[in-house]
Amino acid sequence: MIYKFKSKAAGDVIMLQPHGDQLLRLIGREPAAKGIIEVADMPEAVRMLQDAAARSDAPADNDGDRGVGLKQRVWPMIEMLKRSHAAGEPIVWGV
């Protein structure tokens, strides 16, 4: 499965299932084929992703994907969350 996160305020963010599952768990959600991140939940989601990225800052903490660490993997979603929050638009996937 591929996650395709969509918002009217930003370009799509596409992730393979293991990475999308990880991202959703980091923001306190269970992985699911369909979902929504409401505007009100976005500031907390940004904080949770930034905290997780800061904790995994060491180069040894990548998941084996050619040196792509968590910080690089979650950055597009953090940007999408910030833009979507500023525009008042939800983020959806699987719809």
PDB file of N, CA and C in Angstrom:
ATOM      1  N   MET A   1       0.836  -1.178   0.000  1.00  0.00           N
ATOM      2  CA  MET A   1       0.000   0.000   0.000  1.00  0.00           C
ATOM      3  C   MET A   1       0.884   1.247   0.000  1.00  0.00           C
ATOM      4  N   ILE A   2       0.394   2.272  -0.606  1.00  0.00           N
ATOM      5  CA  ILE A   2       1.076   3.558  -0.630  1.00  0.00           C
ATOM      6  C   ILE A   2       0.153   4.580   0.013  1.00  0.00           C
ATOM      7  N   TYR A   3       0.716   5.405   0.877  1.00  0.00           N
ATOM      8  CA  TYR A   3      -0.037   6.521   1.450  1.00  0.00           C
ATOM      9  C   TYR A   3       0.124   7.730   0.539  1.00  0.00           C
ATOM     10  N   LYS A   4      -0.989   8.380   0.236  1.00  0.00           N
ATOM     11  CA  LYS A   4      -0.961   9.634  -0.508  1.00  0.00           C
ATOM     12  C   LYS A   4      -1.734  10.655   0.329  1.00  0.00           C
ATOM     13  N   PHE A   5      -0.969  11.462   1.071  1.00  0.00           N
ATOM     14  CA  PHE A   5      -1.559  12.488   1.911  1.00  0.00           C
ATOM     15  C   PHE A   5      -1.870  13.695   1.031  1.00  0.00           C
ATOM     16  N   LYS A   6      -3.113  14.214   1.136  1.00  0.00           N
ATOM     17  CA  LYS A   6      -3.557  15.300   0.256  1.00  0.00           C
ATOM     18  C   LYS A   6      -4.142  16.446   1.078  1.00  0.00           C
ATOM     19  N   SER A   7      -3.882  17.653   0.594  1.00  0.00           N
ATOM     20  CA  SER A   7      -4.467  18.852   1.175  1.00  0.00           C
ATOM     21  C   SER A   7      -4.610  19.891   0.074  1.00  0.00           C
ATOM     22  N   LYS A   8      -5.639  20.718   0.171  1.00  0.00           N
ATOM     23  CA  LYS A   8      -5.820  21.788  -0.804  1.00  0.00           C
ATOM     24  C   LYS A   8      -4.758  22.875  -0.644  1.00  0.00           C
ATOM     25  N   ALA A   9      -4.035  22.870   0.475  1.00  0.00           N
ATOM     26  CA  ALA A   9      -3.062  23.919   0.768  1.00  0.00           C
ATOM     27  C   ALA A   9      -1.630  23.552   0.416  1.00  0.00           C
ATOM     28  N   ALA A  10      -1.394  22.315  -0.019  1.00  0.00           N
ATOM     29  CA  ALA A  10      -0.016  21.871  -0.269  1.00  0.00           C
ATOM     30  C   ALA A  10      -0.013  20.751  -1.298  1.00  0.00           C
ATOM     31  N   GLY A  11       1.163  20.481  -1.842  1.00  0.00           N
ATOM     32  CA  GLY A  11       1.320  19.354  -2.750  1.00  0.00           C
ATOM     33  C   GLY A  11       1.178  18.044  -1.996  1.00  0.00           C
ATOM     34  N   ASP A  12       0.897  16.984  -2.722  1.00  0.00           N
ATOM     35  CA  ASP A  12       0.739  15.664  -2.106  1.00  0.00           C
ATOM     36  C   ASP A  12       2.048  15.177  -1.506  1.00  0.00           C
ATOM     37  N   VAL A  13       1.922  14.413  -0.417  1.00  0.00           N
ATOM     38  CA  VAL A  13       3.058  13.716   0.191  1.00  0.00           C
ATOM     39  C   VAL A  13       2.772  12.232   0.034  1.00  0.00           C
ATOM     40  N   ILE A  14       3.673  11.538  -0.635  1.00  0.00           N
ATOM     41  CA  ILE A  14       3.483  10.111  -0.913  1.00  0.00           C
ATOM     42  C   ILE A  14       4.535   9.321  -0.144  1.00  0.00           C
ATOM     43  N   MET A  15       4.097   8.260   0.534  1.00  0.00           N
ATOM     44  CA  MET A  15       4.998   7.421   1.326  1.00  0.00           C
ATOM     45  C   MET A  15       4.641   5.952   1.145  1.00  0.00           C
ATOM     46  N   LEU A  16       5.643   5.114   1.205  1.00  0.00           N
ATOM     47  CA  LEU A  16       5.410   3.673   1.253  1.00  0.00           C
ATOM     48  C   LEU A  16       4.749   3.328   2.578  1.00  0.00           C
ATOM     49  N   GLN A  17       4.058   2.206   2.622  1.00  0.00           N
ATOM     50  CA  GLN A  17       3.289   1.831   3.805  1.00  0.00           C
ATOM     51  C   GLN A  17       4.099   1.832   5.103  1.00  0.00           C
ATOM     52  N   PRO A  18       5.289   1.227   5.155  1.00  0.00           N
ATOM     53  CA  PRO A  18       6.000   1.218   6.442  1.00  0.00           C
ATOM     54  C   PRO A  18       6.304   2.626   6.952  1.00  0.00           C
ATOM     55  N   HIS A  19       6.630   3.536   6.037  1.00  0.00           N
ATOM     56  CA  HIS A  19       6.969   4.895   6.451  1.00  0.00           C
ATOM     57  C   HIS A  19       5.715   5.678   6.824  1.00  0.00           C
ATOM     58  N   GLY A  20       4.639   5.497   6.086  1.00  0.00           N
ATOM     59  CA  GLY A  20       3.371   6.135   6.436  1.00  0.00           C
ATOM     60  C   GLY A  20       2.825   5.627   7.756  1.00  0.00           C
ATOM     61  N   ASP A  21       2.938   4.322   7.989  1.00  0.00           N
ATOM     62  CA  ASP A  21       2.513   3.748   9.267  1.00  0.00           C
ATOM     63  C   ASP A  21       3.307   4.371  10.411  1.00  0.00           C
ATOM     64  N   GLN A  22       4.625   4.477  10.232  1.00  0.00           N
ATOM     65  CA  GLN A  22       5.487   5.062  11.255  1.00  0.00           C
ATOM     66  C   GLN A  22       5.079   6.506  11.535  1.00  0.00           C
ATOM     67  N   LEU A  23       4.866   7.275  10.487  1.00  0.00           N
ATOM     68  CA  LEU A  23       4.481   8.672  10.652  1.00  0.00           C
ATOM     69  C   LEU A  23       3.171   8.782  11.427  1.00  0.00           C
ATOM     70  N   LEU A  24       2.192   7.987  11.070  1.00  0.00           N
ATOM     71  CA  LEU A  24       0.907   8.043  11.774  1.00  0.00           C
ATOM     72  C   LEU A  24       1.059   7.662  13.238  1.00  0.00           C
ATOM     73  N   ARG A  25       1.860   6.667  13.528  1.00  0.00           N
ATOM     74  CA  ARG A  25       2.092   6.281  14.926  1.00  0.00           C
ATOM     75  C   ARG A  25       2.778   7.411  15.704  1.00  0.00           C
ATOM     76  N   LEU A  26       3.689   8.112  15.037  1.00  0.00           N
ATOM     77  CA  LEU A  26       4.393   9.216  15.698  1.00  0.00           C
ATOM     78  C   LEU A  26       3.452  10.344  16.099  1.00  0.00           C
ATOM     79  N   ILE A  27       2.354  10.509  15.377  1.00  0.00           N
ATOM     80  CA  ILE A  27       1.400  11.554  15.745  1.00  0.00           C
ATOM     81  C   ILE A  27       0.228  10.988  16.543  1.00  0.00           C
ATOM     82  N   GLY A  28       0.387   9.762  17.037  1.00  0.00           N
ATOM     83  CA  GLY A  28      -0.594   9.168  17.934  1.00  0.00           C
ATOM     84  C   GLY A  28      -1.809   8.560  17.264  1.00  0.00           C
ATOM     85  N   ARG A  29      -1.665   8.156  16.018  1.00  0.00           N
ATOM     86  CA  ARG A  29      -2.773   7.548  15.286  1.00  0.00           C
ATOM     87  C   ARG A  29      -2.432   6.123  14.891  1.00  0.00           C
ATOM     88  N   GLU A  30      -3.463   5.327  14.772  1.00  0.00           N
ATOM     89  CA  GLU A  30      -3.284   3.978  14.262  1.00  0.00           C
ATOM     90  C   GLU A  30      -3.245   4.042  12.740  1.00  0.00           C
ATOM     91  N   PRO A  31      -2.340   3.314  12.119  1.00  0.00           N
ATOM     92  CA  PRO A  31      -2.324   3.277  10.650  1.00  0.00           C
ATOM     93  C   PRO A  31      -3.671   2.803  10.112  1.00  0.00           C
ATOM     94  N   ALA A  32      -4.104   3.448   9.042  1.00  0.00           N
ATOM     95  CA  ALA A  32      -5.389   3.102   8.437  1.00  0.00           C
ATOM     96  C   ALA A  32      -5.345   3.451   6.952  1.00  0.00           C
ATOM     97  N   ALA A  33      -6.132   2.748   6.175  1.00  0.00           N
ATOM     98  CA  ALA A  33      -6.169   2.982   4.727  1.00  0.00           C
ATOM     99  C   ALA A  33      -6.783   4.339   4.389  1.00  0.00           C
ATOM    100  N   LYS A  34      -7.658   4.853   5.236  1.00  0.00           N
ATOM    101  CA  LYS A  34      -8.293   6.152   5.031  1.00  0.00           C
ATOM    102  C   LYS A  34      -8.215   6.944   6.328  1.00  0.00           C
ATOM    103  N   GLY A  35      -8.125   8.260   6.181  1.00  0.00           N
ATOM    104  CA  GLY A  35      -8.131   9.066   7.379  1.00  0.00           C
ATOM    105  C   GLY A  35      -8.079  10.548   7.089  1.00  0.00           C
ATOM    106  N   ILE A  36      -8.119  11.305   8.180  1.00  0.00           N
ATOM    107  CA  ILE A  36      -8.094  12.758   8.102  1.00  0.00           C
ATOM    108  C   ILE A  36      -7.347  13.308   9.313  1.00  0.00           C
ATOM    109  N   ILE A  37      -6.597  14.356   9.076  1.00  0.00           N
ATOM    110  CA  ILE A  37      -5.996  15.125  10.166  1.00  0.00           C
ATOM    111  C   ILE A  37      -6.703  16.468  10.149  1.00  0.00           C
ATOM    112  N   GLU A  38      -7.452  16.738  11.185  1.00  0.00           N
ATOM    113  CA  GLU A  38      -8.217  17.977  11.285  1.00  0.00           C
ATOM    114  C   GLU A  38      -7.279  19.142  11.581  1.00  0.00           C
ATOM    115  N   VAL A  39      -7.689  20.325  11.182  1.00  0.00           N
ATOM    116  CA  VAL A  39      -6.882  21.531  11.357  1.00  0.00           C
ATOM    117  C   VAL A  39      -6.517  21.736  12.825  1.00  0.00           C
ATOM    118  N   ALA A  40      -7.450  21.508  13.733  1.00  0.00           N
ATOM    119  CA  ALA A  40      -7.201  21.718  15.158  1.00  0.00           C
ATOM    120  C   ALA A  40      -6.115  20.791  15.707  1.00  0.00           C
ATOM    121  N   ASP A  41      -5.904  19.636  15.077  1.00  0.00           N
ATOM    122  CA  ASP A  41      -4.921  18.662  15.542  1.00  0.00           C
ATOM    123  C   ASP A  41      -3.521  18.901  14.974  1.00  0.00           C
ATOM    124  N   MET A  42      -3.400  19.805  14.025  1.00  0.00           N
ATOM    125  CA  MET A  42      -2.135  19.977  13.302  1.00  0.00           C
ATOM    126  C   MET A  42      -0.982  20.535  14.139  1.00  0.00           C
ATOM    127  N   PRO A  43      -1.186  21.539  14.987  1.00  0.00           N
ATOM    128  CA  PRO A  43      -0.048  22.031  15.778  1.00  0.00           C
ATOM    129  C   PRO A  43       0.577  20.933  16.658  1.00  0.00           C
ATOM    130  N   GLU A  44      -0.252  20.109  17.254  1.00  0.00           N
ATOM    131  CA  GLU A  44       0.263  19.022  18.087  1.00  0.00           C
ATOM    132  C   GLU A  44       0.982  17.976  17.234  1.00  0.00           C
ATOM    133  N   ALA A  45       0.463  17.695  16.053  1.00  0.00           N
ATOM    134  CA  ALA A  45       1.115  16.741  15.149  1.00  0.00           C
ATOM    135  C   ALA A  45       2.489  17.253  14.725  1.00  0.00           C
ATOM    136  N   VAL A  46       2.588  18.545  14.428  1.00  0.00           N
ATOM    137  CA  VAL A  46       3.887  19.139  14.073  1.00  0.00           C
ATOM    138  C   VAL A  46       4.855  18.981  15.228  1.00  0.00           C
ATOM    139  N   ARG A  47       4.395  19.306  16.433  1.00  0.00           N
ATOM    140  CA  ARG A  47       5.266  19.196  17.608  1.00  0.00           C
ATOM    141  C   ARG A  47       5.747  17.762  17.810  1.00  0.00           C
ATOM    142  N   MET A  48       4.851  16.804  17.668  1.00  0.00           N
ATOM    143  CA  MET A  48       5.214  15.401  17.873  1.00  0.00           C
ATOM    144  C   MET A  48       6.240  14.939  16.826  1.00  0.00           C
ATOM    145  N   LEU A  49       6.056  15.334  15.577  1.00  0.00           N
ATOM    146  CA  LEU A  49       7.000  14.949  14.523  1.00  0.00           C
ATOM    147  C   LEU A  49       8.351  15.625  14.720  1.00  0.00           C
ATOM    148  N   GLN A  50       8.347  16.898  15.101  1.00  0.00           N
ATOM    149  CA  GLN A  50       9.609  17.594  15.343  1.00  0.00           C
ATOM    150  C   GLN A  50      10.355  16.985  16.526  1.00  0.00           C
ATOM    151  N   ASP A  51       9.633  16.631  17.573  1.00  0.00           N
ATOM    152  CA  ASP A  51      10.261  15.989  18.735  1.00  0.00           C
ATOM    153  C   ASP A  51      10.866  14.643  18.351  1.00  0.00           C
ATOM    154  N   ALA A  52      10.140  13.853  17.588  1.00  0.00           N
ATOM    155  CA  ALA A  52      10.645  12.542  17.157  1.00  0.00           C
ATOM    156  C   ALA A  52      11.874  12.712  16.273  1.00  0.00           C
ATOM    157  N   ALA A  53      11.850  13.689  15.380  1.00  0.00           N
ATOM    158  CA  ALA A  53      12.991  13.935  14.498  1.00  0.00           C
ATOM    159  C   ALA A  53      14.205  14.374  15.303  1.00  0.00           C
ATOM    160  N   ALA A  54      14.007  15.207  16.307  1.00  0.00           N
ATOM    161  CA  ALA A  54      15.115  15.675  17.141  1.00  0.00           C
ATOM    162  C   ALA A  54      15.726  14.523  17.929  1.00  0.00           C
ATOM    163  N   ARG A  55      14.889  13.623  18.410  1.00  0.00           N
ATOM    164  CA  ARG A  55      15.394  12.467  19.175  1.00  0.00           C
ATOM    165  C   ARG A  55      16.192  11.514  18.293  1.00  0.00           C
ATOM    166  N   SER A  56      15.870  11.453  17.008  1.00  0.00           N
ATOM    167  CA  SER A  56      16.532  10.501  16.109  1.00  0.00           C
ATOM    168  C   SER A  56      17.612  11.173  15.278  1.00  0.00           C
ATOM    169  N   ASP A  57      18.158  12.270  15.764  1.00  0.00           N
ATOM    170  CA  ASP A  57      19.107  13.080  15.000  1.00  0.00           C
ATOM    171  C   ASP A  57      20.424  12.357  14.693  1.00  0.00           C
ATOM    172  N   ALA A  58      20.773  11.360  15.478  1.00  0.00           N
ATOM    173  CA  ALA A  58      22.043  10.663  15.277  1.00  0.00           C
ATOM    174  C   ALA A  58      22.033   9.908  13.953  1.00  0.00           C
ATOM    175  N   PRO A  59      23.139   9.919  13.189  1.00  0.00           N
ATOM    176  CA  PRO A  59      23.191   9.213  11.891  1.00  0.00           C
ATOM    177  C   PRO A  59      22.898   7.728  12.002  1.00  0.00           C
ATOM    178  N   ALA A  60      23.178   7.123  13.136  1.00  0.00           N
ATOM    179  CA  ALA A  60      22.957   5.684  13.296  1.00  0.00           C
ATOM    180  C   ALA A  60      21.477   5.346  13.439  1.00  0.00           C
ATOM    181  N   ASP A  61      20.624   6.351  13.562  1.00  0.00           N
ATOM    182  CA  ASP A  61      19.213   6.103  13.778  1.00  0.00           C
ATOM    183  C   ASP A  61      18.391   5.997  12.498  1.00  0.00           C
ATOM    184  N   ASN A  62      19.053   5.933  11.341  1.00  0.00           N
ATOM    185  CA  ASN A  62      18.246   5.774  10.130  1.00  0.00           C
ATOM    186  C   ASN A  62      17.767   4.337  10.046  1.00  0.00           C
ATOM    187  N   ASP A  63      16.815   4.098   9.189  1.00  0.00           N
ATOM    188  CA  ASP A  63      16.211   2.758   9.136  1.00  0.00           C
ATOM    189  C   ASP A  63      16.771   1.895   8.018  1.00  0.00           C
ATOM    190  N   GLY A  64      17.969   2.204   7.561  1.00  0.00           N
ATOM    191  CA  GLY A  64      18.605   1.366   6.558  1.00  0.00           C
ATOM    192  C   GLY A  64      18.323   1.775   5.135  1.00  0.00           C
ATOM    193  N   ASP A  65      17.503   2.792   4.919  1.00  0.00           N
ATOM    194  CA  ASP A  65      17.152   3.227   3.576  1.00  0.00           C
ATOM    195  C   ASP A  65      18.175   4.208   3.026  1.00  0.00           C
ATOM    196  N   ARG A  66      19.355   3.727   2.739  1.00  0.00           N
ATOM    197  CA  ARG A  66      20.417   4.537   2.141  1.00  0.00           C
ATOM    198  C   ARG A  66      20.671   5.827   2.907  1.00  0.00           C
ATOM    199  N   GLY A  67      20.626   5.752   4.206  1.00  0.00           N
ATOM    200  CA  GLY A  67      20.947   6.906   5.017  1.00  0.00           C
ATOM    201  C   GLY A  67      19.820   7.911   5.190  1.00  0.00           C
ATOM    202  N   VAL A  68      18.603   7.584   4.760  1.00  0.00           N
ATOM    203  CA  VAL A  68      17.479   8.491   4.946  1.00  0.00           C
ATOM    204  C   VAL A  68      16.957   8.303   6.365  1.00  0.00           C
ATOM    205  N   GLY A  69      17.175   9.314   7.184  1.00  0.00           N
ATOM    206  CA  GLY A  69      16.745   9.243   8.572  1.00  0.00           C
ATOM    207  C   GLY A  69      15.341   9.788   8.766  1.00  0.00           C
ATOM    208  N   LEU A  70      14.897   9.694   9.977  1.00  0.00           N
ATOM    209  CA  LEU A  70      13.546  10.132  10.302  1.00  0.00           C
ATOM    210  C   LEU A  70      13.359  11.621  10.034  1.00  0.00           C
ATOM    211  N   LYS A  71      14.373  12.415  10.327  1.00  0.00           N
ATOM    212  CA  LYS A  71      14.263  13.862  10.114  1.00  0.00           C
ATOM    213  C   LYS A  71      13.941  14.184   8.655  1.00  0.00           C
ATOM    214  N   GLN A  72      14.622  13.527   7.735  1.00  0.00           N
ATOM    215  CA  GLN A  72      14.373  13.759   6.315  1.00  0.00           C
ATOM    216  C   GLN A  72      13.022  13.183   5.881  1.00  0.00           C
ATOM    217  N   ARG A  73      12.634  12.098   6.499  1.00  0.00           N
ATOM    218  CA  ARG A  73      11.404  11.433   6.092  1.00  0.00           C
ATOM    219  C   ARG A  73      10.154  12.220   6.522  1.00  0.00           C
ATOM    220  N   VAL A  74      10.194  12.852   7.699  1.00  0.00           N
ATOM    221  CA  VAL A  74       8.998  13.540   8.193  1.00  0.00           C
ATOM    222  C   VAL A  74       8.936  15.010   7.764  1.00  0.00           C
ATOM    223  N   TRP A  75      10.032  15.566   7.257  1.00  0.00           N
ATOM    224  CA  TRP A  75      10.048  16.978   6.889  1.00  0.00           C
ATOM    225  C   TRP A  75       8.922  17.362   5.921  1.00  0.00           C
ATOM    226  N   PRO A  76       8.673  16.600   4.845  1.00  0.00           N
ATOM    227  CA  PRO A  76       7.578  16.998   3.942  1.00  0.00           C
ATOM    228  C   PRO A  76       6.213  17.042   4.645  1.00  0.00           C
ATOM    229  N   MET A  77       5.990  16.128   5.573  1.00  0.00           N
ATOM    230  CA  MET A  77       4.711  16.125   6.281  1.00  0.00           C
ATOM    231  C   MET A  77       4.622  17.303   7.246  1.00  0.00           C
ATOM    232  N   ILE A  78       5.724  17.649   7.884  1.00  0.00           N
ATOM    233  CA  ILE A  78       5.718  18.821   8.767  1.00  0.00           C
ATOM    234  C   ILE A  78       5.363  20.069   7.967  1.00  0.00           C
ATOM    235  N   GLU A  79       5.968  20.209   6.796  1.00  0.00           N
ATOM    236  CA  GLU A  79       5.663  21.361   5.946  1.00  0.00           C
ATOM    237  C   GLU A  79       4.198  21.348   5.498  1.00  0.00           C
ATOM    238  N   MET A  80       3.682  20.179   5.138  1.00  0.00           N
ATOM    239  CA  MET A  80       2.281  20.068   4.738  1.00  0.00           C
ATOM    240  C   MET A  80       1.366  20.449   5.893  1.00  0.00           C
ATOM    241  N   LEU A  81       1.685  19.982   7.085  1.00  0.00           N
ATOM    242  CA  LEU A  81       0.879  20.308   8.260  1.00  0.00           C
ATOM    243  C   LEU A  81       0.865  21.812   8.519  1.00  0.00           C
ATOM    244  N   LYS A  82       2.025  22.451   8.429  1.00  0.00           N
ATOM    245  CA  LYS A  82       2.106  23.895   8.671  1.00  0.00           C
ATOM    246  C   LYS A  82       1.293  24.672   7.638  1.00  0.00           C
ATOM    247  N   ARG A  83       1.440  24.332   6.370  1.00  0.00           N
ATOM    248  CA  ARG A  83       0.711  25.035   5.314  1.00  0.00           C
ATOM    249  C   ARG A  83      -0.796  24.800   5.420  1.00  0.00           C
ATOM    250  N   SER A  84      -1.160  23.560   5.696  1.00  0.00           N
ATOM    251  CA  SER A  84      -2.579  23.233   5.809  1.00  0.00           C
ATOM    252  C   SER A  84      -3.211  23.935   7.009  1.00  0.00           C
ATOM    253  N   HIS A  85      -2.484  23.986   8.111  1.00  0.00           N
ATOM    254  CA  HIS A  85      -2.993  24.678   9.295  1.00  0.00           C
ATOM    255  C   HIS A  85      -3.192  26.165   9.001  1.00  0.00           C
ATOM    256  N   ALA A  86      -2.209  26.783   8.363  1.00  0.00           N
ATOM    257  CA  ALA A  86      -2.300  28.208   8.041  1.00  0.00           C
ATOM    258  C   ALA A  86      -3.481  28.501   7.108  1.00  0.00           C
ATOM    259  N   ALA A  87      -3.783  27.572   6.223  1.00  0.00           N
ATOM    260  CA  ALA A  87      -4.874  27.763   5.264  1.00  0.00           C
ATOM    261  C   ALA A  87      -6.218  27.256   5.786  1.00  0.00           C
ATOM    262  N   GLY A  88      -6.200  26.567   6.935  1.00  0.00           N
ATOM    263  CA  GLY A  88      -7.441  26.026   7.481  1.00  0.00           C
ATOM    264  C   GLY A  88      -7.989  24.848   6.705  1.00  0.00           C
ATOM    265  N   GLU A  89      -7.090  24.070   6.107  1.00  0.00           N
ATOM    266  CA  GLU A  89      -7.494  22.917   5.294  1.00  0.00           C
ATOM    267  C   GLU A  89      -7.066  21.606   5.947  1.00  0.00           C
ATOM    268  N   PRO A  90      -7.936  20.606   5.993  1.00  0.00           N
ATOM    269  CA  PRO A  90      -7.558  19.304   6.538  1.00  0.00           C
ATOM    270  C   PRO A  90      -6.612  18.545   5.601  1.00  0.00           C
ATOM    271  N   ILE A  91      -5.987  17.525   6.144  1.00  0.00           N
ATOM    272  CA  ILE A  91      -5.172  16.596   5.352  1.00  0.00           C
ATOM    273  C   ILE A  91      -5.913  15.262   5.352  1.00  0.00           C
ATOM    274  N   VAL A  92      -6.053  14.679   4.174  1.00  0.00           N
ATOM    275  CA  VAL A  92      -6.752  13.398   4.044  1.00  0.00           C
ATOM    276  C   VAL A  92      -5.872  12.405   3.309  1.00  0.00           C
ATOM    277  N   TRP A  93      -6.185  11.130   3.444  1.00  0.00           N
ATOM    278  CA  TRP A  93      -5.539  10.090   2.672  1.00  0.00           C
ATOM    279  C   TRP A  93      -6.521   8.953   2.460  1.00  0.00           C
ATOM    280  N   GLY A  94      -6.335   8.275   1.351  1.00  0.00           N
ATOM    281  CA  GLY A  94      -7.163   7.110   1.028  1.00  0.00           C
ATOM    282  C   GLY A  94      -8.558   7.447   0.525  1.00  0.00           C
ATOM    283  N   VAL A  95      -8.776   8.684   0.169  1.00  0.00           N
ATOM    284  CA  VAL A  95     -10.117   9.074  -0.318  1.00  0.00           C
ATOM    285  C   VAL A  95     -10.040   9.522  -1.765  1.00  0.00           C
TER     286      VAL A  95
END
